[in-house]
Structures are given as structure tokens and as C-alpha cells.
Amino acid sequence: MSSSGPQNRTGIKFEVGAQLQARDRHKNWYSATIDKVDYDKERVLIHYRRWSRRHDEWFHWNSPYLRPLERLTLRGRRGLNPTSNLLFVLSQNSKFFVSWKRNYKT
């Protein structure tokens, strides 16, 4: 096997701790992190966030079942502080609640 690193894939860093999404055996996409990189077998060990480690899986680093996180960035919109950079990380089929409060100066 090759001792070189994985091919570049837009939005995915193949390093321990990198965040991405992975598709499980039931065809559901989940947020995940890379726990190990095996250069000899050209694969990565994926840990599904908020799941037990018993569900961790090895994926070849060219697998179509790995993709970058979906991101939505809001910057400088009316009602938001333009000096703060807000970053929301969304997963497919995730549920979330958002609330904004305007701070009026008197």
C-alpha cells in the first residue's frame, strides 16, 4: 500500500480530530470526527459524535460515504453584530432551535 497521504478532497482534512460527516450502514449521515489515520491501508477511523465508540467505523479515504460538514455562515446581517462571526454547523435531518434578541441602546 501507499505510504503517502490521502488525496485532497475539498472541505475534508484527513487528520486526527478533523470534523466531517459520514454515512452509516443504515444510509444516515452523521457528524463525525477522524480518530485515527492508517496510511498503510489508506483508511481513517471515524467516530460518530454523540454515539458510543462501538459504532466507530473504518472508511477508505476515497469513500463516497465521507463528506465535509455542511456550513451556514451569517456575517454582518441586519440585526446581528457585524464584528462577530457566527458559524452554525448543520447536519442533514438535524433539529435545532434558534432565537435572537436585539440589544437596543438607550
PDB file of N, CA and C in Angstrom:
ATOM      1  N   MET A   1       0.835  -1.180   0.000  1.00  0.00           N
ATOM      2  CA  MET A   1       0.000   0.000   0.000  1.00  0.00           C
ATOM      3  C   MET A   1       0.880   1.244   0.000  1.00  0.00           C
ATOM      4  N   SER A   2       0.270   2.359  -0.251  1.00  0.00           N
ATOM      5  CA  SER A   2       0.976   3.628  -0.336  1.00  0.00           C
ATOM      6  C   SER A   2       1.245   4.197   1.046  1.00  0.00           C
ATOM      7  N   SER A   3       2.422   4.818   1.216  1.00  0.00           N
ATOM      8  CA  SER A   3       2.708   5.491   2.476  1.00  0.00           C
ATOM      9  C   SER A   3       2.448   6.980   2.371  1.00  0.00           C
ATOM     10  N   SER A   4       2.021   7.430   1.192  1.00  0.00           N
ATOM     11  CA  SER A   4       1.691   8.842   1.046  1.00  0.00           C
ATOM     12  C   SER A   4       0.305   9.107   1.625  1.00  0.00           C
ATOM     13  N   GLY A   5       0.007  10.373   1.819  1.00  0.00           N
ATOM     14  CA  GLY A   5      -1.272  10.738   2.419  1.00  0.00           C
ATOM     15  C   GLY A   5      -2.423  10.634   1.442  1.00  0.00           C
ATOM     16  N   PRO A   6      -3.616  10.880   1.950  1.00  0.00           N
ATOM     17  CA  PRO A   6      -4.814  10.819   1.110  1.00  0.00           C
ATOM     18  C   PRO A   6      -4.842  11.951   0.095  1.00  0.00           C
ATOM     19  N   GLN A   7      -5.545  11.723  -0.990  1.00  0.00           N
ATOM     20  CA  GLN A   7      -5.731  12.763  -1.995  1.00  0.00           C
ATOM     21  C   GLN A   7      -6.516  13.915  -1.386  1.00  0.00           C
ATOM     22  N   ASN A   8      -6.260  15.109  -1.858  1.00  0.00           N
ATOM     23  CA  ASN A   8      -7.021  16.260  -1.383  1.00  0.00           C
ATOM     24  C   ASN A   8      -8.481  16.133  -1.785  1.00  0.00           C
ATOM     25  N   ARG A   9      -9.359  16.349  -0.814  1.00  0.00           N
ATOM     26  CA  ARG A   9     -10.796  16.392  -1.076  1.00  0.00           C
ATOM     27  C   ARG A   9     -11.294  17.692  -0.496  1.00  0.00           C
ATOM     28  N   THR A  10     -11.987  18.456  -1.291  1.00  0.00           N
ATOM     29  CA  THR A  10     -12.456  19.760  -0.881  1.00  0.00           C
ATOM     30  C   THR A  10     -13.246  19.676   0.419  1.00  0.00           C
ATOM     31  N   GLY A  11     -12.824  20.460   1.416  1.00  0.00           N
ATOM     32  CA  GLY A  11     -13.546  20.550   2.671  1.00  0.00           C
ATOM     33  C   GLY A  11     -13.242  19.482   3.700  1.00  0.00           C
ATOM     34  N   ILE A  12     -12.392  18.501   3.371  1.00  0.00           N
ATOM     35  CA  ILE A  12     -12.053  17.444   4.326  1.00  0.00           C
ATOM     36  C   ILE A  12     -10.549  17.455   4.567  1.00  0.00           C
ATOM     37  N   LYS A  13     -10.163  17.528   5.842  1.00  0.00           N
ATOM     38  CA  LYS A  13      -8.763  17.380   6.224  1.00  0.00           C
ATOM     39  C   LYS A  13      -8.612  15.994   6.829  1.00  0.00           C
ATOM     40  N   PHE A  14      -7.750  15.197   6.255  1.00  0.00           N
ATOM     41  CA  PHE A  14      -7.558  13.834   6.747  1.00  0.00           C
ATOM     42  C   PHE A  14      -6.475  13.837   7.820  1.00  0.00           C
ATOM     43  N   GLU A  15      -6.891  14.296   9.022  1.00  0.00           N
ATOM     44  CA  GLU A  15      -6.002  14.320  10.174  1.00  0.00           C
ATOM     45  C   GLU A  15      -6.818  14.028  11.420  1.00  0.00           C
ATOM     46  N   VAL A  16      -6.168  13.521  12.445  1.00  0.00           N
ATOM     47  CA  VAL A  16      -6.856  13.180  13.690  1.00  0.00           C
ATOM     48  C   VAL A  16      -7.514  14.437  14.260  1.00  0.00           C
ATOM     49  N   GLY A  17      -8.799  14.308  14.609  1.00  0.00           N
ATOM     50  CA  GLY A  17      -9.563  15.425  15.159  1.00  0.00           C
ATOM     51  C   GLY A  17     -10.347  16.213  14.128  1.00  0.00           C
ATOM     52  N   ALA A  18     -10.101  15.972  12.853  1.00  0.00           N
ATOM     53  CA  ALA A  18     -10.831  16.697  11.805  1.00  0.00           C
ATOM     54  C   ALA A  18     -12.304  16.322  11.846  1.00  0.00           C
ATOM     55  N   GLN A  19     -13.152  17.303  11.549  1.00  0.00           N
ATOM     56  CA  GLN A  19     -14.597  17.085  11.566  1.00  0.00           C
ATOM     57  C   GLN A  19     -15.122  16.933  10.140  1.00  0.00           C
ATOM     58  N   LEU A  20     -16.102  16.049   9.985  1.00  0.00           N
ATOM     59  CA  LEU A  20     -16.719  15.782   8.697  1.00  0.00           C
ATOM     60  C   LEU A  20     -18.048  15.093   8.948  1.00  0.00           C
ATOM     61  N   GLN A  21     -18.679  14.646   7.881  1.00  0.00           N
ATOM     62  CA  GLN A  21     -19.885  13.829   8.002  1.00  0.00           C
ATOM     63  C   GLN A  21     -19.592  12.470   7.385  1.00  0.00           C
ATOM     64  N   ALA A  22     -20.192  11.449   7.976  1.00  0.00           N
ATOM     65  CA  ALA A  22     -20.019  10.082   7.484  1.00  0.00           C
ATOM     66  C   ALA A  22     -21.379   9.402   7.426  1.00  0.00           C
ATOM     67  N   ARG A  23     -21.535   8.520   6.444  1.00  0.00           N
ATOM     68  CA  ARG A  23     -22.796   7.792   6.272  1.00  0.00           C
ATOM     69  C   ARG A  23     -22.658   6.410   6.899  1.00  0.00           C
ATOM     70  N   ASP A  24     -23.605   6.071   7.757  1.00  0.00           N
ATOM     71  CA  ASP A  24     -23.540   4.768   8.437  1.00  0.00           C
ATOM     72  C   ASP A  24     -24.145   3.660   7.578  1.00  0.00           C
ATOM     73  N   ARG A  25     -24.173   2.463   8.127  1.00  0.00           N
ATOM     74  CA  ARG A  25     -24.692   1.297   7.396  1.00  0.00           C
ATOM     75  C   ARG A  25     -26.168   1.409   7.049  1.00  0.00           C
ATOM     76  N   HIS A  26     -26.886   2.274   7.787  1.00  0.00           N
ATOM     77  CA  HIS A  26     -28.323   2.462   7.553  1.00  0.00           C
ATOM     78  C   HIS A  26     -28.613   3.637   6.620  1.00  0.00           C
ATOM     79  N   LYS A  27     -27.554   4.143   5.983  1.00  0.00           N
ATOM     80  CA  LYS A  27     -27.637   5.221   4.992  1.00  0.00           C
ATOM     81  C   LYS A  27     -28.042   6.565   5.587  1.00  0.00           C
ATOM     82  N   ASN A  28     -27.694   6.788   6.870  1.00  0.00           N
ATOM     83  CA  ASN A  28     -27.929   8.078   7.520  1.00  0.00           C
ATOM     84  C   ASN A  28     -26.601   8.813   7.646  1.00  0.00           C
ATOM     85  N   TRP A  29     -26.628  10.125   7.412  1.00  0.00           N
ATOM     86  CA  TRP A  29     -25.433  10.951   7.544  1.00  0.00           C
ATOM     87  C   TRP A  29     -25.363  11.521   8.954  1.00  0.00           C
ATOM     88  N   TYR A  30     -24.174  11.468   9.569  1.00  0.00           N
ATOM     89  CA  TYR A  30     -23.957  11.986  10.917  1.00  0.00           C
ATOM     90  C   TYR A  30     -22.667  12.794  10.974  1.00  0.00           C
ATOM     91  N   SER A  31     -22.638  13.764  11.871  1.00  0.00           N
ATOM     92  CA  SER A  31     -21.400  14.489  12.151  1.00  0.00           C
ATOM     93  C   SER A  31     -20.429  13.517  12.805  1.00  0.00           C
ATOM     94  N   ALA A  32     -19.162  13.627  12.418  1.00  0.00           N
ATOM     95  CA  ALA A  32     -18.170  12.676  12.899  1.00  0.00           C
ATOM     96  C   ALA A  32     -16.808  13.350  12.991  1.00  0.00           C
ATOM     97  N   THR A  33     -15.887  12.662  13.651  1.00  0.00           N
ATOM     98  CA  THR A  33     -14.506  13.114  13.706  1.00  0.00           C
ATOM     99  C   THR A  33     -13.589  11.959  13.317  1.00  0.00           C
ATOM    100  N   ILE A  34     -12.416  12.311  12.836  1.00  0.00           N
ATOM    101  CA  ILE A  34     -11.423  11.301  12.491  1.00  0.00           C
ATOM    102  C   ILE A  34     -10.619  10.987  13.746  1.00  0.00           C
ATOM    103  N   ASP A  35     -10.616   9.719  14.159  1.00  0.00           N
ATOM    104  CA  ASP A  35      -9.882   9.294  15.358  1.00  0.00           C
ATOM    105  C   ASP A  35      -8.496   8.748  15.036  1.00  0.00           C
ATOM    106  N   LYS A  36      -8.349   8.085  13.899  1.00  0.00           N
ATOM    107  CA  LYS A  36      -7.059   7.520  13.505  1.00  0.00           C
ATOM    108  C   LYS A  36      -6.921   7.588  11.997  1.00  0.00           C
ATOM    109  N   VAL A  37      -5.677   7.679  11.537  1.00  0.00           N
ATOM    110  CA  VAL A  37      -5.377   7.618  10.107  1.00  0.00           C
ATOM    111  C   VAL A  37      -4.408   6.459   9.909  1.00  0.00           C
ATOM    112  N   ASP A  38      -4.788   5.484   9.072  1.00  0.00           N
ATOM    113  CA  ASP A  38      -3.956   4.317   8.773  1.00  0.00           C
ATOM    114  C   ASP A  38      -3.398   4.496   7.361  1.00  0.00           C
ATOM    115  N   TYR A  39      -2.141   4.948   7.281  1.00  0.00           N
ATOM    116  CA  TYR A  39      -1.531   5.230   5.981  1.00  0.00           C
ATOM    117  C   TYR A  39      -1.220   3.963   5.202  1.00  0.00           C
ATOM    118  N   ASP A  40      -0.951   2.854   5.906  1.00  0.00           N
ATOM    119  CA  ASP A  40      -0.638   1.598   5.219  1.00  0.00           C
ATOM    120  C   ASP A  40      -1.844   1.057   4.465  1.00  0.00           C
ATOM    121  N   LYS A  41      -3.017   1.141   5.084  1.00  0.00           N
ATOM    122  CA  LYS A  41      -4.232   0.618   4.451  1.00  0.00           C
ATOM    123  C   LYS A  41      -5.095   1.706   3.825  1.00  0.00           C
ATOM    124  N   GLU A  42      -4.583   2.955   3.835  1.00  0.00           N
ATOM    125  CA  GLU A  42      -5.272   4.096   3.200  1.00  0.00           C
ATOM    126  C   GLU A  42      -6.708   4.254   3.699  1.00  0.00           C
ATOM    127  N   ARG A  43      -6.842   4.345   5.024  1.00  0.00           N
ATOM    128  CA  ARG A  43      -8.172   4.455   5.607  1.00  0.00           C
ATOM    129  C   ARG A  43      -8.137   5.332   6.854  1.00  0.00           C
ATOM    130  N   VAL A  44      -9.345   5.730   7.297  1.00  0.00           N
ATOM    131  CA  VAL A  44      -9.493   6.534   8.513  1.00  0.00           C
ATOM    132  C   VAL A  44     -10.539   5.897   9.413  1.00  0.00           C
ATOM    133  N   LEU A  45     -10.316   6.011  10.731  1.00  0.00           N
ATOM    134  CA  LEU A  45     -11.290   5.530  11.706  1.00  0.00           C
ATOM    135  C   LEU A  45     -12.189   6.699  12.062  1.00  0.00           C
ATOM    136  N   ILE A  46     -13.478   6.536  11.832  1.00  0.00           N
ATOM    137  CA  ILE A  46     -14.469   7.579  12.052  1.00  0.00           C
ATOM    138  C   ILE A  46     -15.225   7.322  13.343  1.00  0.00           C
ATOM    139  N   HIS A  47     -15.328   8.361  14.159  1.00  0.00           N
ATOM    140  CA  HIS A  47     -16.161   8.299  15.369  1.00  0.00           C
ATOM    141  C   HIS A  47     -17.373   9.195  15.144  1.00  0.00           C
ATOM    142  N   TYR A  48     -18.565   8.620  15.223  1.00  0.00           N
ATOM    143  CA  TYR A  48     -19.804   9.387  15.098  1.00  0.00           C
ATOM    144  C   TYR A  48     -20.022  10.153  16.400  1.00  0.00           C
ATOM    145  N   ARG A  49     -20.090  11.471  16.308  1.00  0.00           N
ATOM    146  CA  ARG A  49     -20.277  12.280  17.514  1.00  0.00           C
ATOM    147  C   ARG A  49     -21.603  11.957  18.174  1.00  0.00           C
ATOM    148  N   ARG A  50     -21.590  11.943  19.506  1.00  0.00           N
ATOM    149  CA  ARG A  50     -22.744  11.631  20.352  1.00  0.00           C
ATOM    150  C   ARG A  50     -23.161  10.163  20.279  1.00  0.00           C
ATOM    151  N   TRP A  51     -22.312   9.299  19.745  1.00  0.00           N
ATOM    152  CA  TRP A  51     -22.583   7.870  19.690  1.00  0.00           C
ATOM    153  C   TRP A  51     -21.468   7.133  20.422  1.00  0.00           C
ATOM    154  N   SER A  52     -21.762   5.946  20.895  1.00  0.00           N
ATOM    155  CA  SER A  52     -20.780   5.111  21.563  1.00  0.00           C
ATOM    156  C   SER A  52     -19.652   4.756  20.590  1.00  0.00           C
ATOM    157  N   ARG A  53     -18.468   4.557  21.137  1.00  0.00           N
ATOM    158  CA  ARG A  53     -17.310   4.191  20.307  1.00  0.00           C
ATOM    159  C   ARG A  53     -17.489   2.820  19.639  1.00  0.00           C
ATOM    160  N   ARG A  54     -18.410   2.030  20.119  1.00  0.00           N
ATOM    161  CA  ARG A  54     -18.628   0.719  19.483  1.00  0.00           C
ATOM    162  C   ARG A  54     -19.168   0.866  18.056  1.00  0.00           C
ATOM    163  N   HIS A  55     -19.664   2.066  17.713  1.00  0.00           N
ATOM    164  CA  HIS A  55     -20.178   2.325  16.365  1.00  0.00           C
ATOM    165  C   HIS A  55     -19.114   2.893  15.432  1.00  0.00           C
ATOM    166  N   ASP A  56     -17.903   3.130  15.944  1.00  0.00           N
ATOM    167  CA  ASP A  56     -16.830   3.662  15.095  1.00  0.00           C
ATOM    168  C   ASP A  56     -16.595   2.721  13.913  1.00  0.00           C
ATOM    169  N   GLU A  57     -16.240   3.322  12.770  1.00  0.00           N
ATOM    170  CA  GLU A  57     -16.039   2.533  11.548  1.00  0.00           C
ATOM    171  C   GLU A  57     -14.797   3.000  10.803  1.00  0.00           C
ATOM    172  N   TRP A  58     -14.168   2.061  10.099  1.00  0.00           N
ATOM    173  CA  TRP A  58     -13.069   2.395   9.197  1.00  0.00           C
ATOM    174  C   TRP A  58     -13.632   2.680   7.812  1.00  0.00           C
ATOM    175  N   PHE A  59     -13.141   3.727   7.175  1.00  0.00           N
ATOM    176  CA  PHE A  59     -13.513   4.080   5.809  1.00  0.00           C
ATOM    177  C   PHE A  59     -12.244   4.306   4.999  1.00  0.00           C
ATOM    178  N   HIS A  60     -12.239   3.832   3.748  1.00  0.00           N
ATOM    179  CA  HIS A  60     -11.165   4.195   2.830  1.00  0.00           C
ATOM    180  C   HIS A  60     -11.266   5.692   2.613  1.00  0.00           C
ATOM    181  N   TRP A  61     -10.140   6.388   2.546  1.00  0.00           N
ATOM    182  CA  TRP A  61     -10.214   7.845   2.478  1.00  0.00           C
ATOM    183  C   TRP A  61     -10.780   8.371   1.162  1.00  0.00           C
ATOM    184  N   ASN A  62     -10.996   7.525   0.181  1.00  0.00           N
ATOM    185  CA  ASN A  62     -11.689   7.945  -1.055  1.00  0.00           C
ATOM    186  C   ASN A  62     -13.164   7.562  -1.037  1.00  0.00           C
ATOM    187  N   SER A  63     -13.671   7.106   0.089  1.00  0.00           N
ATOM    188  CA  SER A  63     -15.055   6.642   0.188  1.00  0.00           C
ATOM    189  C   SER A  63     -16.058   7.751  -0.129  1.00  0.00           C
ATOM    190  N   PRO A  64     -17.091   7.429  -0.903  1.00  0.00           N
ATOM    191  CA  PRO A  64     -18.163   8.409  -1.144  1.00  0.00           C
ATOM    192  C   PRO A  64     -19.031   8.620   0.091  1.00  0.00           C
ATOM    193  N   TYR A  65     -18.790   7.838   1.154  1.00  0.00           N
ATOM    194  CA  TYR A  65     -19.572   7.958   2.375  1.00  0.00           C
ATOM    195  C   TYR A  65     -18.947   8.924   3.377  1.00  0.00           C
ATOM    196  N   LEU A  66     -17.968   9.697   2.923  1.00  0.00           N
ATOM    197  CA  LEU A  66     -17.379  10.772   3.716  1.00  0.00           C
ATOM    198  C   LEU A  66     -17.585  12.074   2.958  1.00  0.00           C
ATOM    199  N   ARG A  67     -17.991  13.119   3.676  1.00  0.00           N
ATOM    200  CA  ARG A  67     -18.172  14.426   3.042  1.00  0.00           C
ATOM    201  C   ARG A  67     -17.901  15.527   4.069  1.00  0.00           C
ATOM    202  N   PRO A  68     -17.631  16.739   3.591  1.00  0.00           N
ATOM    203  CA  PRO A  68     -17.394  17.836   4.529  1.00  0.00           C
ATOM    204  C   PRO A  68     -18.661  18.207   5.279  1.00  0.00           C
ATOM    205  N   LEU A  69     -18.492  18.867   6.421  1.00  0.00           N
ATOM    206  CA  LEU A  69     -19.649  19.373   7.158  1.00  0.00           C
ATOM    207  C   LEU A  69     -20.369  20.404   6.320  1.00  0.00           C
ATOM    208  N   GLU A  70     -21.690  20.439   6.447  1.00  0.00           N
ATOM    209  CA  GLU A  70     -22.480  21.489   5.794  1.00  0.00           C
ATOM    210  C   GLU A  70     -22.441  22.690   6.708  1.00  0.00           C
ATOM    211  N   ARG A  71     -22.087  23.849   6.158  1.00  0.00           N
ATOM    212  CA  ARG A  71     -21.928  25.042   6.984  1.00  0.00           C
ATOM    213  C   ARG A  71     -22.798  26.180   6.464  1.00  0.00           C
ATOM    214  N   LEU A  72     -23.306  26.949   7.404  1.00  0.00           N
ATOM    215  CA  LEU A  72     -24.063  28.155   7.105  1.00  0.00           C
ATOM    216  C   LEU A  72     -23.429  29.267   7.920  1.00  0.00           C
ATOM    217  N   THR A  73     -22.966  30.301   7.261  1.00  0.00           N
ATOM    218  CA  THR A  73     -22.313  31.396   7.950  1.00  0.00           C
ATOM    219  C   THR A  73     -23.128  32.662   7.772  1.00  0.00           C
ATOM    220  N   LEU A  74     -23.394  33.339   8.879  1.00  0.00           N
ATOM    221  CA  LEU A  74     -24.100  34.618   8.856  1.00  0.00           C
ATOM    222  C   LEU A  74     -23.130  35.691   9.318  1.00  0.00           C
ATOM    223  N   ARG A  75     -22.903  36.685   8.477  1.00  0.00           N
ATOM    224  CA  ARG A  75     -21.979  37.746   8.847  1.00  0.00           C
ATOM    225  C   ARG A  75     -22.561  39.083   8.429  1.00  0.00           C
ATOM    226  N   GLY A  76     -22.605  39.994   9.373  1.00  0.00           N
ATOM    227  CA  GLY A  76     -22.975  41.365   9.065  1.00  0.00           C
ATOM    228  C   GLY A  76     -24.398  41.570   8.590  1.00  0.00           C
ATOM    229  N   ARG A  77     -25.274  40.668   8.904  1.00  0.00           N
ATOM    230  CA  ARG A  77     -26.674  40.837   8.529  1.00  0.00           C
ATOM    231  C   ARG A  77     -27.331  41.851   9.454  1.00  0.00           C
ATOM    232  N   ARG A  78     -28.379  42.494   9.003  1.00  0.00           N
ATOM    233  CA  ARG A  78     -29.076  43.455   9.832  1.00  0.00           C
ATOM    234  C   ARG A  78     -29.601  42.758  11.088  1.00  0.00           C
ATOM    235  N   GLY A  79     -29.356  43.373  12.239  1.00  0.00           N
ATOM    236  CA  GLY A  79     -29.792  42.787  13.498  1.00  0.00           C
ATOM    237  C   GLY A  79     -28.734  41.936  14.161  1.00  0.00           C
ATOM    238  N   LEU A  80     -27.669  41.588  13.434  1.00  0.00           N
ATOM    239  CA  LEU A  80     -26.575  40.836  14.019  1.00  0.00           C
ATOM    240  C   LEU A  80     -25.387  41.754  14.200  1.00  0.00           C
ATOM    241  N   ASN A  81     -24.585  41.495  15.185  1.00  0.00           N
ATOM    242  CA  ASN A  81     -23.394  42.286  15.418  1.00  0.00           C
ATOM    243  C   ASN A  81     -22.404  42.007  14.293  1.00  0.00           C
ATOM    244  N   PRO A  82     -22.074  42.999  13.451  1.00  0.00           N
ATOM    245  CA  PRO A  82     -21.197  42.741  12.303  1.00  0.00           C
ATOM    246  C   PRO A  82     -19.764  42.415  12.693  1.00  0.00           C
ATOM    247  N   THR A  83     -19.370  42.700  13.938  1.00  0.00           N
ATOM    248  CA  THR A  83     -17.996  42.386  14.342  1.00  0.00           C
ATOM    249  C   THR A  83     -17.856  40.948  14.799  1.00  0.00           C
ATOM    250  N   SER A  84     -18.975  40.270  15.047  1.00  0.00           N
ATOM    251  CA  SER A  84     -18.884  38.865  15.466  1.00  0.00           C
ATOM    252  C   SER A  84     -19.145  37.967  14.265  1.00  0.00           C
ATOM    253  N   ASN A  85     -18.391  36.910  14.179  1.00  0.00           N
ATOM    254  CA  ASN A  85     -18.573  35.932  13.107  1.00  0.00           C
ATOM    255  C   ASN A  85     -19.321  34.748  13.678  1.00  0.00           C
ATOM    256  N   LEU A  86     -20.517  34.530  13.203  1.00  0.00           N
ATOM    257  CA  LEU A  86     -21.322  33.414  13.664  1.00  0.00           C
ATOM    258  C   LEU A  86     -21.148  32.253  12.707  1.00  0.00           C
ATOM    259  N   LEU A  87     -20.975  31.065  13.243  1.00  0.00           N
ATOM    260  CA  LEU A  87     -20.834  29.873  12.416  1.00  0.00           C
ATOM    261  C   LEU A  87     -21.758  28.808  12.969  1.00  0.00           C
ATOM    262  N   PHE A  88     -22.632  28.312  12.134  1.00  0.00           N
ATOM    263  CA  PHE A  88     -23.556  27.257  12.510  1.00  0.00           C
ATOM    264  C   PHE A  88     -23.179  26.013  11.734  1.00  0.00           C
ATOM    265  N   VAL A  89     -23.038  24.901  12.412  1.00  0.00           N
ATOM    266  CA  VAL A  89     -22.743  23.627  11.767  1.00  0.00           C
ATOM    267  C   VAL A  89     -24.023  22.807  11.797  1.00  0.00           C
ATOM    268  N   LEU A  90     -24.531  22.490  10.611  1.00  0.00           N
ATOM    269  CA  LEU A  90     -25.796  21.775  10.497  1.00  0.00           C
ATOM    270  C   LEU A  90     -25.561  20.395   9.906  1.00  0.00           C
ATOM    271  N   SER A  91     -26.290  19.444  10.392  1.00  0.00           N
ATOM    272  CA  SER A  91     -26.271  18.105   9.825  1.00  0.00           C
ATOM    273  C   SER A  91     -27.595  17.865   9.123  1.00  0.00           C
ATOM    274  N   GLN A  92     -27.560  17.056   8.096  1.00  0.00           N
ATOM    275  CA  GLN A  92     -28.775  16.720   7.389  1.00  0.00           C
ATOM    276  C   GLN A  92     -29.751  16.062   8.368  1.00  0.00           C
ATOM    277  N   ASN A  93     -31.004  16.453   8.305  1.00  0.00           N
ATOM    278  CA  ASN A  93     -32.073  15.933   9.154  1.00  0.00           C
ATOM    279  C   ASN A  93     -31.919  16.296  10.631  1.00  0.00           C
ATOM    280  N   SER A  94     -31.094  17.309  10.925  1.00  0.00           N
ATOM    281  CA  SER A  94     -30.950  17.706  12.323  1.00  0.00           C
ATOM    282  C   SER A  94     -32.059  18.673  12.700  1.00  0.00           C
ATOM    283  N   LYS A  95     -32.375  18.721  13.985  1.00  0.00           N
ATOM    284  CA  LYS A  95     -33.376  19.636  14.502  1.00  0.00           C
ATOM    285  C   LYS A  95     -32.671  20.660  15.370  1.00  0.00           C
ATOM    286  N   PHE A  96     -33.088  21.913  15.282  1.00  0.00           N
ATOM    287  CA  PHE A  96     -32.464  22.937  16.091  1.00  0.00           C
ATOM    288  C   PHE A  96     -33.449  24.067  16.348  1.00  0.00           C
ATOM    289  N   PHE A  97     -33.151  24.845  17.372  1.00  0.00           N
ATOM    290  CA  PHE A  97     -33.959  25.987  17.744  1.00  0.00           C
ATOM    291  C   PHE A  97     -33.044  27.206  17.779  1.00  0.00           C
ATOM    292  N   VAL A  98     -33.477  28.284  17.159  1.00  0.00           N
ATOM    293  CA  VAL A  98     -32.675  29.492  17.108  1.00  0.00           C
ATOM    294  C   VAL A  98     -33.491  30.648  17.652  1.00  0.00           C
ATOM    295  N   SER A  99     -32.849  31.491  18.427  1.00  0.00           N
ATOM    296  CA  SER A  99     -33.507  32.664  18.987  1.00  0.00           C
ATOM    297  C   SER A  99     -32.532  33.834  18.983  1.00  0.00           C
ATOM    298  N   TRP A 100     -32.986  35.008  18.532  1.00  0.00           N
ATOM    299  CA  TRP A 100     -32.177  36.205  18.558  1.00  0.00           C
ATOM    300  C   TRP A 100     -32.844  37.235  19.455  1.00  0.00           C
ATOM    301  N   LYS A 101     -32.026  38.020  20.099  1.00  0.00           N
ATOM    302  CA  LYS A 101     -32.536  39.111  20.918  1.00  0.00           C
ATOM    303  C   LYS A 101     -31.784  40.372  20.507  1.00  0.00           C
ATOM    304  N   ARG A 102     -32.525  41.411  20.159  1.00  0.00           N
ATOM    305  CA  ARG A 102     -31.882  42.674  19.803  1.00  0.00           C
ATOM    306  C   ARG A 102     -31.532  43.428  21.061  1.00  0.00           C
ATOM    307  N   ASN A 103     -30.341  43.960  21.068  1.00  0.00           N
ATOM    308  CA  ASN A 103     -29.912  44.802  22.178  1.00  0.00           C
ATOM    309  C   ASN A 103     -29.989  46.252  21.733  1.00  0.00           C
ATOM    310  N   TYR A 104     -30.989  46.942  22.240  1.00  0.00           N
ATOM    311  CA  TYR A 104     -31.173  48.357  21.909  1.00  0.00           C
ATOM    312  C   TYR A 104     -30.455  49.228  22.935  1.00  0.00           C
ATOM    313  N   LYS A 105     -29.714  50.206  22.432  1.00  0.00           N
ATOM    314  CA  LYS A 105     -29.052  51.154  23.327  1.00  0.00           C
ATOM    315  C   LYS A 105     -29.955  52.362  23.513  1.00  0.00           C
ATOM    316  N   THR A 106     -30.089  52.807  24.747  1.00  0.00           N
ATOM    317  CA  THR A 106     -30.927  53.983  25.015  1.00  0.00           C
ATOM    318  C   THR A 106     -30.107  55.172  25.419  1.00  0.00           C
TER     319      THR A 106
END
